[in-house]
Amino acid sequence: MSKIVAEQLVEMLVEAGVKRVYAVTGDSLNHFNDAIRRNGKIKWIHVRHEEVGAYAAAAEAELDGFAVCAGSCGPGHVHLINGLYDAHRSHVPLLAIASTINTNEMGMDYFQETNTVKLFDDCSCYNQMIMTAEQAPRIIQTAIQHALGKKGVAVIGLPGDVSKLKAVESIISTQFFHCNPVIRPSDLELQLLAKAINESSKITLFCGIGSEKAHDQVVQLSQHIKAPVGYSFRGKMSIQPNNPNEIGMTGLLGQPSAYHSMHESHLVLLLGTDFPYDKFMPTDNKIIQVDTSSERLGRRANLYMGLCGDVADTIKALLPLLEAKTDDSFLQAQLKFYSSVKENMNIYINDNGGEDTIQPEYLAHVIDRLANKDAIFTVDTGMTCVWGARFIKGTGERKMLGSFNHGSMANAMPMAIGAALSHPEKQVIAMCGDGGLSMLLGDLATIHQYNIPIKIIVFNNRALGMVKLEMEVDGLPDNETNMVNPDFGLIAQAMGFMGINVHKPEEVPEALGKAFLHNGPVLLNVFTNPNALAMPPKVEWEQVIGMTKSMTKLMLGGKMEEVFDTIKFNYKHLKEGI
């Protein structure tokens, strides 16, 4: 029997190394689904919601270099958008198959009709519709190569009738090329960079995800020029471990130490980072940025120099041009301050809360202590992200996945699905907010169906915690941020796997230990302190005034108990942040 386009697509995905497709099958996807079944080399993962499929595929792609999700006509592929935005903004190589209505019905306002090219244009690096069998192999090859080469999302629109057309053999390459070029600044640019470094006595390195494969080079540079090393959240897992000069993160989730060092420096080197918060960037010193994508240069800070280069390649070429510095007084001062910051953080570990007010810092600390040294963590956006950033330590083998650029709720559990399916040998821990988990709760059934052994830790503070904090620092009393939650532990049991409710801090270590040893999925529903705040490394006076105003409004509104609880549980945070 002749091969059809759907079968050709599957064969090309196999050639690209695809092991899974995350999707909800139906109508226009059915021939693609059947081709996967008959081929036998790709597993169809039946998620309950396409957004979950997109996030799961994004996690797999970030860990392994490429992955695929799919959505059927109209609502099916529309559901992919949030996860695709996240993957594209995180520069993750991902292919989305957006199947759609038959070609003869297009342009007629037909049932479930969408314009996939318009729909996905803002969250993709390649976005085309296959309209003929002759186009199919060329568009498929081009889409996959765009995803790999551009490190972003490629979308293929696939009408249902086209998927079952007789395939036409490709006249172009069916191979896929994973290129790894050497990228560094020119010799003249390196000389100017070296001159700026040699002339500066106080230097801070700040590293992002672009430094992920440059750990050893960053440490060598740091030791050579006696520079402390800060990092973004995405850079933490690769830059923090085995780094004697690391001083933590800055930004909304970070600590005062990196913020202080960057602002006290004469020169700041931004290495492989597109750190988004310009309010945390210094303005009175020299800043030099190195990035493989020159279009990112200068959009977060006023640069002294902007250089196009891979961090590892650039440092290798730069080191022979640098003078070894002997004065480490600036470095030692920053390391000493970082030690005091870490000591202050222990306050929230030792004072671990009470019944139904377990300190989230303590919970994150115990997770860090008991988790495997090569565990994969996923974190929801919001307060859970803060606790993961501050208390989960890099070991050199751990990975941390999250919606760090797009900032979406509900990403942790879906990402854990993709991480666990692609790396069954690893411990996968999803640190979920109650708000995030609630949004995509139905895919607990997917976890049960495939017996995916992820450990879901719910930081159940019965509120949209980060939103509550945002309102309060803006001088607004929090309104409609409370969550009336179901019993998540019982829901997990109803879904078919272990669910445990944890109400007291003394129960946390035993419950986590039991969950981590269990050979299967577990949901741990931990009742954390709803009034725990996460203060940024620098608190502006306007934020203090805003918090004061919101507390006053709450008191005038009769919510005295909430005010007292907020002050009682966070006075240490407020003191250290000002």
Protein backbone atom coordinates (compact mmCIF):
# COMPACT_ATOMS: atom_id res chain seq x y z
CA MET A 1 0.00 0.00 0.00
CA SER A 2 1.26 3.51 -0.82
CA LYS A 3 2.61 5.65 1.99
CA ILE A 4 0.49 8.67 3.01
CA VAL A 5 1.64 12.10 4.21
CA ALA A 6 0.89 11.23 7.88
CA GLU A 7 3.20 8.20 7.64
CA GLN A 8 5.88 10.29 5.96
CA LEU A 9 5.65 12.80 8.81
CA VAL A 10 6.07 10.04 11.40
CA GLU A 11 9.10 8.60 9.57
CA MET A 12 10.75 12.03 9.51
CA LEU A 13 10.03 12.54 13.22
CA VAL A 14 11.66 9.18 13.95
CA GLU A 15 14.68 10.29 11.90
CA ALA A 16 14.82 13.46 14.05
CA GLY A 17 14.98 11.31 17.21
CA VAL A 18 11.43 11.91 18.45
CA LYS A 19 10.25 9.36 21.03
CA ARG A 20 6.89 10.85 22.07
CA VAL A 21 4.11 13.10 20.81
CA TYR A 22 2.01 14.84 23.46
CA ALA A 23 -1.55 15.39 22.24
CA VAL A 24 -5.30 14.84 22.50
CA THR A 25 -6.36 12.90 19.44
CA GLY A 26 -9.42 13.65 17.33
CA ASP A 27 -10.81 14.28 13.84
CA SER A 28 -8.04 15.96 11.82
CA LEU A 29 -5.29 14.28 13.89
CA ASN A 30 -6.59 10.74 13.53
CA HIS A 31 -4.49 9.71 10.52
CA PHE A 32 -1.36 11.06 12.24
CA ASN A 33 -2.33 9.13 15.38
CA ASP A 34 -2.84 5.94 13.41
CA ALA A 35 0.46 6.37 11.58
CA ILE A 36 2.23 6.61 14.94
CA ARG A 37 0.49 3.44 16.13
CA ARG A 38 1.49 1.49 13.05
CA ASN A 39 5.06 2.77 13.01
CA GLY A 40 5.62 1.69 16.64
CA LYS A 41 8.72 3.84 17.28
CA ILE A 42 6.91 6.84 18.77
CA LYS A 43 4.60 6.80 21.80
CA TRP A 44 1.42 8.89 21.71
CA ILE A 45 0.97 10.45 25.17
CA HIS A 46 -2.71 11.14 25.72
CA VAL A 47 -2.80 14.26 27.88
CA ARG A 48 -6.14 15.60 29.08
CA HIS A 49 -5.46 19.17 27.96
CA GLU A 50 -3.31 20.30 25.03
CA GLU A 51 -1.68 23.02 27.16
CA VAL A 52 -0.29 20.25 29.33
CA GLY A 53 1.04 18.55 26.20
CA ALA A 54 2.82 21.70 25.09
CA TYR A 55 4.44 22.20 28.51
CA ALA A 56 5.42 18.54 28.74
CA ALA A 57 7.00 18.68 25.29
CA ALA A 58 8.78 21.92 26.20
CA ALA A 59 10.33 20.24 29.25
CA GLU A 60 11.47 17.27 27.19
CA ALA A 61 12.90 19.61 24.55
CA GLU A 62 14.83 21.64 27.12
CA LEU A 63 16.34 18.49 28.60
CA ASP A 64 16.99 16.58 25.37
CA GLY A 65 17.15 19.11 22.54
CA PHE A 66 13.88 18.50 20.64
CA ALA A 67 10.30 17.34 21.21
CA VAL A 68 6.83 17.37 19.62
CA CYS A 69 3.26 18.20 20.64
CA ALA A 70 0.08 18.33 18.60
CA GLY A 71 -3.44 19.71 18.65
CA SER A 72 -6.47 18.95 16.53
CA CYS A 73 -8.84 21.34 14.72
CA GLY A 74 -9.57 24.75 16.19
CA PRO A 75 -9.88 24.51 20.00
CA GLY A 76 -7.41 21.62 20.10
CA HIS A 77 -4.48 23.53 18.67
CA VAL A 78 -5.58 26.83 20.26
CA HIS A 79 -5.02 25.16 23.64
CA LEU A 80 -1.35 24.72 22.74
CA ILE A 81 -0.62 28.44 22.63
CA ASN A 82 0.36 29.10 26.26
CA GLY A 83 2.90 26.30 26.33
CA LEU A 84 4.22 27.27 22.89
CA TYR A 85 4.70 30.88 23.99
CA ASP A 86 6.64 29.61 26.99
CA ALA A 87 8.85 27.32 24.90
CA HIS A 88 9.52 29.97 22.27
CA ARG A 89 10.45 32.64 24.83
CA SER A 90 12.73 30.13 26.55
CA HIS A 91 14.44 29.33 23.21
CA VAL A 92 13.48 25.65 23.33
CA PRO A 93 13.50 23.60 20.07
CA LEU A 94 9.93 22.36 19.77
CA LEU A 95 7.69 21.24 16.91
CA ALA A 96 3.92 21.70 17.11
CA ILE A 97 1.60 19.89 14.71
CA ALA A 98 -1.52 22.05 14.38
CA SER A 99 -3.93 19.92 12.42
CA THR A 100 -6.88 21.72 10.95
CA ILE A 101 -9.99 21.46 8.78
CA ASN A 102 -10.00 20.04 5.26
CA THR A 103 -8.69 22.34 2.55
CA ASN A 104 -11.96 22.47 0.59
CA GLU A 105 -13.71 24.05 3.60
CA MET A 106 -11.13 26.75 4.30
CA GLY A 107 -12.27 30.36 4.11
CA MET A 108 -15.93 29.43 4.64
CA ASP A 109 -16.19 30.03 8.41
CA TYR A 110 -16.43 26.27 8.78
CA PHE A 111 -16.86 24.46 12.09
CA GLN A 112 -13.66 24.79 14.20
CA GLU A 113 -11.88 26.80 11.50
CA THR A 114 -8.87 28.90 12.54
CA ASN A 115 -6.07 30.57 10.62
CA THR A 116 -3.07 28.71 12.03
CA VAL A 117 -0.53 30.98 10.34
CA LYS A 118 -1.98 34.08 12.02
CA LEU A 119 -2.65 32.25 15.25
CA PHE A 120 0.89 31.01 15.92
CA ASP A 121 2.88 33.75 14.23
CA ASP A 122 3.91 35.50 17.46
CA CYS A 123 5.13 32.35 19.25
CA SER A 124 7.15 30.63 16.54
CA CYS A 125 10.31 30.92 14.46
CA TYR A 126 8.70 28.97 11.59
CA ASN A 127 4.98 28.67 10.86
CA GLN A 128 3.61 27.21 7.62
CA MET A 129 0.65 25.21 6.35
CA ILE A 130 1.08 22.07 4.26
CA MET A 131 -1.38 22.31 1.38
CA THR A 132 -0.07 19.64 -1.02
CA ALA A 133 1.70 16.31 -0.78
CA GLU A 134 4.66 17.79 -2.67
CA GLN A 135 5.13 20.44 0.02
CA ALA A 136 4.97 18.01 2.93
CA PRO A 137 8.54 16.64 3.17
CA ARG A 138 10.10 20.03 2.46
CA ILE A 139 8.00 21.88 5.06
CA ILE A 140 8.54 19.14 7.65
CA GLN A 141 12.32 19.18 7.13
CA THR A 142 12.45 22.99 7.14
CA ALA A 143 10.30 23.26 10.26
CA ILE A 144 12.43 20.84 12.25
CA GLN A 145 15.66 22.49 11.08
CA HIS A 146 14.29 25.91 12.09
CA ALA A 147 13.44 24.64 15.56
CA LEU A 148 16.93 23.18 15.96
CA GLY A 149 18.82 26.06 14.39
CA LYS A 150 16.81 28.99 15.74
CA LYS A 151 16.17 27.31 19.11
CA GLY A 152 12.47 28.06 19.09
CA VAL A 153 9.02 26.76 18.21
CA ALA A 154 8.21 25.61 14.68
CA VAL A 155 4.54 25.08 13.76
CA ILE A 156 3.21 22.92 10.94
CA GLY A 157 -0.41 23.42 9.94
CA LEU A 158 -1.75 20.07 8.70
CA PRO A 159 -5.25 19.84 7.17
CA GLY A 160 -6.98 16.54 7.81
CA ASP A 161 -7.40 15.72 4.12
CA VAL A 162 -3.74 16.48 3.34
CA SER A 163 -2.56 14.07 6.04
CA LYS A 164 -4.08 11.14 4.11
CA LEU A 165 -2.84 12.10 0.64
CA LYS A 166 -0.43 9.77 -1.13
CA ALA A 167 3.09 10.84 -0.09
CA VAL A 168 5.63 12.24 -2.56
CA GLU A 169 9.26 11.29 -1.95
CA SER A 170 11.48 14.12 -0.83
CA ILE A 171 13.95 15.67 -3.30
CA ILE A 172 15.84 17.44 -0.49
CA SER A 173 17.69 16.30 2.61
CA THR A 174 15.83 14.25 5.16
CA GLN A 175 18.67 14.54 7.65
CA PHE A 176 18.60 17.00 10.54
CA PHE A 177 21.66 18.96 11.55
CA HIS A 178 22.52 19.77 15.17
CA CYS A 179 25.21 22.41 14.64
CA ASN A 180 27.62 23.54 17.34
CA PRO A 181 29.78 26.32 15.87
CA VAL A 182 32.56 28.18 17.67
CA ILE A 183 31.28 31.73 18.28
CA ARG A 184 33.44 34.43 19.81
CA PRO A 185 34.12 38.18 19.37
CA SER A 186 36.77 39.37 16.94
CA ASP A 187 40.40 39.72 18.06
CA LEU A 188 40.04 43.50 18.29
CA GLU A 189 36.87 43.19 20.40
CA LEU A 190 38.60 40.69 22.70
CA GLN A 191 41.50 43.10 23.17
CA LEU A 192 39.12 45.91 24.11
CA LEU A 193 37.29 43.59 26.49
CA ALA A 194 40.55 42.52 28.10
CA LYS A 195 41.61 46.16 28.47
CA ALA A 196 38.36 47.01 30.29
CA ILE A 197 38.82 44.05 32.64
CA ASN A 198 42.51 44.74 33.28
CA GLU A 199 41.76 48.36 34.17
CA SER A 200 38.95 47.49 36.65
CA SER A 201 39.57 46.55 40.28
CA LYS A 202 36.00 45.63 41.23
CA ILE A 203 34.32 43.23 38.80
CA THR A 204 31.19 41.08 39.07
CA LEU A 205 30.24 38.30 36.67
CA PHE A 206 26.51 37.73 36.18
CA CYS A 207 25.62 34.53 34.32
CA GLY A 208 22.44 33.28 32.66
CA ILE A 209 21.30 30.14 30.89
CA GLY A 210 23.74 30.98 28.09
CA SER A 211 26.52 30.03 30.52
CA GLU A 212 25.02 26.58 31.10
CA LYS A 213 27.88 24.78 29.31
CA ALA A 214 30.56 27.21 30.48
CA HIS A 215 30.73 26.42 34.21
CA ASP A 216 34.43 25.59 34.27
CA GLN A 217 35.37 28.59 32.14
CA VAL A 218 33.31 30.95 34.33
CA VAL A 219 34.95 29.63 37.50
CA GLN A 220 38.41 29.93 35.92
CA LEU A 221 37.74 33.53 34.85
CA SER A 222 36.32 34.37 38.27
CA GLN A 223 39.40 33.06 40.05
CA HIS A 224 41.77 34.71 37.58
CA ILE A 225 40.32 38.22 38.04
CA LYS A 226 39.04 37.76 41.63
CA ALA A 227 35.42 38.40 40.67
CA PRO A 228 32.28 37.24 42.52
CA VAL A 229 29.73 35.36 40.39
CA GLY A 230 25.99 36.02 40.47
CA TYR A 231 23.45 34.27 38.29
CA SER A 232 19.90 34.32 37.03
CA PHE A 233 17.35 31.66 38.03
CA ARG A 234 17.87 29.76 34.77
CA GLY A 235 21.62 29.93 35.26
CA LYS A 236 21.61 28.74 38.87
CA MET A 237 21.73 24.96 38.46
CA SER A 238 24.79 25.10 36.21
CA ILE A 239 26.73 28.03 37.74
CA GLN A 240 26.17 27.62 41.51
CA PRO A 241 27.76 24.18 42.17
CA ASN A 242 31.50 23.78 42.76
CA ASN A 243 31.92 27.54 42.44
CA PRO A 244 33.86 29.08 45.36
CA ASN A 245 33.04 32.63 44.29
CA GLU A 246 29.26 32.35 43.77
CA ILE A 247 27.13 34.96 45.54
CA GLY A 248 23.59 33.92 44.60
CA MET A 249 20.85 35.47 42.50
CA THR A 250 19.49 38.96 42.11
CA GLY A 251 16.12 40.05 40.74
CA LEU A 252 12.66 39.55 42.21
CA LEU A 253 13.52 36.03 43.40
CA GLY A 254 17.09 36.63 44.51
CA GLN A 255 19.12 37.75 47.50
CA PRO A 256 20.69 41.10 48.42
CA SER A 257 24.24 39.79 47.94
CA ALA A 258 24.30 39.61 44.14
CA TYR A 259 22.40 42.90 43.89
CA HIS A 260 24.91 44.57 46.21
CA SER A 261 27.94 43.21 44.38
CA MET A 262 26.70 44.32 40.96
CA HIS A 263 26.01 47.82 42.21
CA GLU A 264 29.36 48.13 44.02
CA SER A 265 31.37 46.98 41.00
CA HIS A 266 33.30 49.15 38.60
CA LEU A 267 32.56 46.63 35.84
CA VAL A 268 29.76 44.08 35.43
CA LEU A 269 30.08 41.30 32.85
CA LEU A 270 26.72 39.90 31.71
CA LEU A 271 27.48 36.43 30.35
CA GLY A 272 24.78 34.60 28.40
CA THR A 273 21.91 36.33 30.17
CA ASP A 274 18.88 38.21 28.95
CA PHE A 275 17.87 39.04 32.53
CA PRO A 276 14.57 40.91 32.17
CA TYR A 277 14.41 43.26 35.16
CA ASP A 278 16.28 46.47 34.37
CA LYS A 279 15.37 47.88 37.79
CA PHE A 280 17.88 45.47 39.32
CA MET A 281 20.67 46.49 36.94
CA PRO A 282 23.28 49.03 38.07
CA THR A 283 23.42 52.34 36.22
CA ASP A 284 26.62 54.03 37.44
CA ASN A 285 29.27 51.57 36.28
CA LYS A 286 30.49 49.88 33.10
CA ILE A 287 28.43 46.96 31.82
CA ILE A 288 29.63 44.58 29.11
CA GLN A 289 27.29 41.94 27.70
CA VAL A 290 28.26 38.74 25.84
CA ASP A 291 25.51 36.77 24.07
CA THR A 292 25.23 34.52 21.03
CA SER A 293 22.26 36.54 19.79
CA SER A 294 23.38 40.08 19.05
CA GLU A 295 19.79 41.35 18.91
CA ARG A 296 19.60 40.91 22.71
CA LEU A 297 22.55 43.22 23.38
CA GLY A 298 21.71 46.41 25.25
CA ARG A 299 18.01 45.90 25.79
CA ARG A 300 18.29 45.43 29.57
CA ALA A 301 21.07 47.86 30.44
CA ASN A 302 23.12 50.79 29.11
CA LEU A 303 26.16 48.93 27.79
CA TYR A 304 29.78 49.99 27.59
CA MET A 305 30.34 47.11 25.15
CA GLY A 306 28.10 44.52 23.51
CA LEU A 307 29.75 41.40 22.10
CA CYS A 308 28.46 38.43 20.14
CA GLY A 309 29.89 35.19 21.41
CA ASP A 310 29.34 31.88 23.14
CA VAL A 311 30.36 32.25 26.78
CA ALA A 312 32.73 29.26 26.88
CA ASP A 313 34.35 30.09 23.53
CA THR A 314 34.72 33.76 24.48
CA ILE A 315 36.34 33.09 27.86
CA LYS A 316 38.77 30.57 26.36
CA ALA A 317 39.95 33.19 23.88
CA LEU A 318 39.91 35.99 26.47
CA LEU A 319 41.93 34.42 29.32
CA PRO A 320 45.37 34.65 27.64
CA LEU A 321 44.84 38.42 27.28
CA LEU A 322 44.05 39.03 30.95
CA GLU A 323 46.36 39.99 33.77
CA ALA A 324 45.98 37.82 36.87
CA LYS A 325 44.67 40.01 39.70
CA THR A 326 46.10 39.66 43.21
CA ASP A 327 43.85 42.01 45.20
CA ASP A 328 40.85 39.97 46.33
CA SER A 329 39.49 42.45 48.88
CA PHE A 330 36.34 43.18 46.84
CA LEU A 331 35.70 39.48 46.28
CA GLN A 332 36.15 38.62 49.94
CA ALA A 333 33.83 41.44 51.02
CA GLN A 334 31.07 40.13 48.74
CA LEU A 335 31.57 36.52 49.89
CA LYS A 336 31.35 37.66 53.52
CA PHE A 337 28.10 39.50 52.83
CA TYR A 338 26.73 36.44 51.01
CA SER A 339 27.51 34.31 54.07
CA SER A 340 25.46 36.65 56.25
CA VAL A 341 22.58 36.54 53.75
CA LYS A 342 22.57 32.73 53.83
CA GLU A 343 22.67 32.81 57.62
CA ASN A 344 19.62 35.10 57.68
CA MET A 345 17.78 32.70 55.38
CA ASN A 346 18.25 29.95 57.98
CA ILE A 347 15.93 31.87 60.31
CA TYR A 348 12.98 30.70 58.22
CA ILE A 349 14.25 27.14 58.23
CA ASN A 350 14.73 26.95 61.99
CA ASP A 351 11.44 28.76 62.74
CA ASN A 352 9.40 26.27 60.72
CA GLY A 353 5.85 27.43 61.50
CA GLY A 354 2.86 25.72 63.07
CA GLU A 355 -0.23 23.72 62.23
CA ASP A 356 -1.48 24.73 58.77
CA THR A 357 1.12 27.52 58.76
CA ILE A 358 4.21 25.53 57.76
CA GLN A 359 6.89 27.95 56.60
CA PRO A 360 7.38 27.42 52.85
CA GLU A 361 11.11 28.14 53.25
CA TYR A 362 11.35 25.19 55.62
CA LEU A 363 9.44 22.93 53.24
CA ALA A 364 11.73 23.90 50.33
CA HIS A 365 14.79 23.33 52.52
CA VAL A 366 13.70 19.80 53.43
CA ILE A 367 12.91 19.03 49.79
CA ASP A 368 16.42 20.16 48.89
CA ARG A 369 17.98 18.08 51.66
CA LEU A 370 16.13 14.85 50.83
CA ALA A 371 16.05 15.06 47.03
CA ASN A 372 18.52 13.13 44.89
CA LYS A 373 21.67 14.92 43.79
CA ASP A 374 20.60 14.49 40.15
CA ALA A 375 16.88 15.27 40.61
CA ILE A 376 14.91 17.29 38.08
CA PHE A 377 12.78 20.02 39.68
CA THR A 378 9.91 21.91 38.10
CA VAL A 379 8.52 25.05 39.72
CA ASP A 380 5.26 26.92 39.27
CA THR A 381 5.36 30.66 38.70
CA GLY A 382 4.69 32.71 41.84
CA MET A 383 5.73 32.17 45.45
CA THR A 384 6.72 28.56 44.81
CA CYS A 385 9.22 29.84 42.26
CA VAL A 386 10.76 32.06 44.96
CA TRP A 387 11.24 29.19 47.40
CA GLY A 388 12.73 27.02 44.66
CA ALA A 389 15.09 29.80 43.63
CA ARG A 390 16.33 30.44 47.14
CA PHE A 391 16.44 27.01 48.73
CA ILE A 392 16.99 24.35 46.04
CA LYS A 393 20.74 24.06 45.57
CA GLY A 394 22.59 23.16 42.40
CA THR A 395 24.80 20.08 42.55
CA GLY A 396 26.11 20.06 39.00
CA GLU A 397 23.69 17.24 38.14
CA ARG A 398 20.31 18.73 39.03
CA LYS A 399 18.02 20.54 36.62
CA MET A 400 15.40 23.19 37.34
CA LEU A 401 12.61 23.86 34.85
CA GLY A 402 10.02 26.62 35.01
CA SER A 403 8.18 29.32 33.10
CA PHE A 404 11.01 31.78 33.71
CA ASN A 405 10.44 34.08 30.72
CA HIS A 406 6.73 33.72 29.99
CA GLY A 407 5.77 33.58 33.67
CA SER A 408 2.74 31.34 33.30
CA MET A 409 0.85 29.67 36.11
CA ALA A 410 0.32 25.89 36.10
CA ASN A 411 3.53 24.87 34.31
CA ALA A 412 5.19 22.71 37.01
CA MET A 413 3.03 19.58 36.89
CA PRO A 414 2.92 19.39 33.05
CA MET A 415 6.66 19.98 32.78
CA ALA A 416 7.22 17.20 35.30
CA ILE A 417 5.27 14.84 33.03
CA GLY A 418 7.60 15.56 30.12
CA ALA A 419 10.71 15.38 32.28
CA ALA A 420 9.75 12.05 33.85
CA LEU A 421 8.71 10.37 30.60
CA SER A 422 11.92 11.41 28.85
CA HIS A 423 14.12 10.62 31.88
CA PRO A 424 12.57 7.69 33.76
CA GLU A 425 15.91 7.09 35.51
CA LYS A 426 15.67 10.46 37.30
CA GLN A 427 13.74 11.59 40.36
CA VAL A 428 11.32 14.32 39.19
CA ILE A 429 9.84 16.73 41.73
CA ALA A 430 7.10 19.22 40.84
CA MET A 431 6.89 22.17 43.25
CA CYS A 432 3.34 23.37 42.61
CA GLY A 433 1.29 26.25 43.91
CA ASP A 434 -2.30 25.47 44.79
CA GLY A 435 -3.43 28.05 42.23
CA GLY A 436 -1.27 26.57 39.50
CA LEU A 437 -2.22 22.97 40.17
CA SER A 438 -5.93 23.86 40.21
CA MET A 439 -5.77 25.21 36.66
CA LEU A 440 -4.77 21.89 35.05
CA LEU A 441 -5.91 19.46 37.71
CA GLY A 442 -7.42 17.04 35.19
CA ASP A 443 -4.02 15.84 34.02
CA LEU A 444 -3.45 14.08 37.32
CA ALA A 445 -5.36 11.41 35.38
CA THR A 446 -2.59 11.37 32.76
CA ILE A 447 -0.05 10.78 35.51
CA HIS A 448 -2.07 7.81 36.74
CA GLN A 449 -2.74 6.44 33.25
CA TYR A 450 0.95 6.17 32.43
CA ASN A 451 2.04 5.60 36.05
CA ILE A 452 4.48 8.50 35.83
CA PRO A 453 6.39 8.47 39.15
CA ILE A 454 6.60 12.22 39.69
CA LYS A 455 6.41 13.67 43.18
CA ILE A 456 4.00 16.61 43.30
CA ILE A 457 4.60 18.89 46.30
CA VAL A 458 1.74 21.38 46.67
CA PHE A 459 2.66 24.57 48.54
CA ASN A 460 -0.94 25.02 49.62
CA ASN A 461 -1.17 28.54 51.05
CA ARG A 462 -4.85 28.87 50.08
CA ALA A 463 -4.10 32.05 48.10
CA LEU A 464 -2.60 33.49 44.96
CA GLY A 465 0.39 34.44 47.09
CA MET A 466 2.48 36.43 44.62
CA VAL A 467 -0.56 38.39 43.44
CA LYS A 468 -1.44 39.16 47.05
CA LEU A 469 2.06 40.53 47.63
CA GLU A 470 1.95 42.55 44.39
CA MET A 471 -1.30 44.21 45.47
CA GLU A 472 -0.01 44.98 48.94
CA VAL A 473 3.26 46.60 47.84
CA ASP A 474 1.17 48.71 45.44
CA GLY A 475 -0.85 49.99 48.39
CA LEU A 476 -3.92 47.88 47.65
CA PRO A 477 -5.65 45.51 50.07
CA ASP A 478 -5.62 42.06 48.54
CA ASN A 479 -8.98 41.22 47.02
CA GLU A 480 -10.18 37.85 45.65
CA THR A 481 -6.74 36.29 45.93
CA ASN A 482 -7.95 33.65 48.38
CA MET A 483 -8.37 30.05 47.24
CA VAL A 484 -11.10 27.75 48.56
CA ASN A 485 -9.39 24.51 47.62
CA PRO A 486 -10.57 20.93 47.44
CA ASP A 487 -8.67 18.28 49.37
CA PHE A 488 -5.79 17.73 46.92
CA GLY A 489 -4.68 14.63 48.78
CA LEU A 490 -8.08 13.00 48.34
CA ILE A 491 -8.21 14.09 44.69
CA ALA A 492 -4.92 12.30 44.03
CA GLN A 493 -6.35 9.18 45.66
CA ALA A 494 -9.49 9.49 43.56
CA MET A 495 -7.26 9.76 40.48
CA GLY A 496 -5.66 6.46 41.45
CA PHE A 497 -2.39 7.24 43.19
CA MET A 498 -0.99 8.16 46.60
CA GLY A 499 -2.10 11.47 48.13
CA ILE A 500 -0.89 12.73 51.52
CA ASN A 501 -2.02 15.80 53.47
CA VAL A 502 0.59 17.46 55.70
CA HIS A 503 -0.62 19.92 58.35
CA LYS A 504 2.28 20.19 60.82
CA PRO A 505 5.96 21.08 60.27
CA GLU A 506 7.14 18.04 62.22
CA GLU A 507 5.33 15.83 59.67
CA VAL A 508 7.23 17.26 56.69
CA PRO A 509 10.46 15.17 56.72
CA GLU A 510 8.66 11.84 57.16
CA ALA A 511 6.05 12.64 54.52
CA LEU A 512 8.69 13.73 52.00
CA GLY A 513 10.82 10.69 52.75
CA LYS A 514 7.83 8.40 52.20
CA ALA A 515 6.94 10.15 48.95
CA PHE A 516 10.48 10.03 47.57
CA LEU A 517 10.84 6.31 48.34
CA HIS A 518 7.48 5.37 46.80
CA ASN A 519 7.75 3.64 43.44
CA GLY A 520 5.03 5.62 41.69
CA PRO A 521 3.37 9.03 41.61
CA VAL A 522 2.68 10.86 44.87
CA LEU A 523 0.92 14.14 45.65
CA LEU A 524 1.96 15.79 48.91
CA ASN A 525 -0.54 18.49 49.93
CA VAL A 526 1.36 20.71 52.40
CA PHE A 527 -0.55 23.44 54.23
CA THR A 528 1.90 26.36 54.18
CA ASN A 529 1.72 29.76 55.81
CA PRO A 530 -0.57 32.00 53.72
CA ASN A 531 1.08 35.13 55.14
CA ALA A 532 4.66 34.26 54.24
CA LEU A 533 6.13 36.98 52.04
CA ALA A 534 9.04 36.87 49.62
CA MET A 535 10.78 40.22 49.69
CA PRO A 536 13.07 41.13 46.76
CA PRO A 537 16.77 41.87 47.39
CA LYS A 538 16.13 45.61 47.45
CA VAL A 539 12.91 47.08 48.76
CA GLU A 540 12.12 50.53 47.37
CA TRP A 541 10.71 53.16 49.75
CA GLU A 542 7.57 53.32 47.61
CA GLN A 543 7.02 49.61 48.27
CA VAL A 544 7.31 50.18 52.02
CA ILE A 545 4.76 53.00 51.77
CA GLY A 546 2.54 50.75 49.64
CA MET A 547 2.69 47.91 52.14
CA THR A 548 1.89 50.33 54.97
CA LYS A 549 -1.10 51.70 53.07
CA SER A 550 -2.47 48.24 52.32
CA MET A 551 -2.09 47.14 55.95
CA THR A 552 -3.88 50.31 57.07
CA LYS A 553 -6.74 49.65 54.65
CA LEU A 554 -7.04 46.11 55.91
CA MET A 555 -7.19 47.33 59.51
CA LEU A 556 -9.82 49.93 58.65
CA GLY A 557 -11.73 47.16 56.92
CA GLY A 558 -11.71 45.11 60.11
CA LYS A 559 -9.12 42.54 58.99
CA MET A 560 -6.92 43.01 62.05
CA GLU A 561 -6.00 39.34 62.35
CA GLU A 562 -4.64 39.20 58.80
CA VAL A 563 -2.53 42.31 59.44
CA PHE A 564 -1.06 40.94 62.66
CA ASP A 565 -0.33 37.57 61.06
CA THR A 566 1.46 39.22 58.14
CA ILE A 567 3.63 41.31 60.46
CA LYS A 568 4.29 38.45 62.87
CA PHE A 569 5.43 35.98 60.24
CA ASN A 570 7.46 38.41 58.14
CA TYR A 571 9.05 41.04 60.36
CA LYS A 572 12.47 39.48 59.69
CA HIS A 573 11.92 39.71 55.95
CA LEU A 574 10.82 43.32 56.22
CA LYS A 575 13.82 44.23 58.37
CA GLU A 576 16.45 42.64 56.15
CA GLY A 577 14.95 43.97 52.92
CA ILE A 578 14.97 47.67 53.80
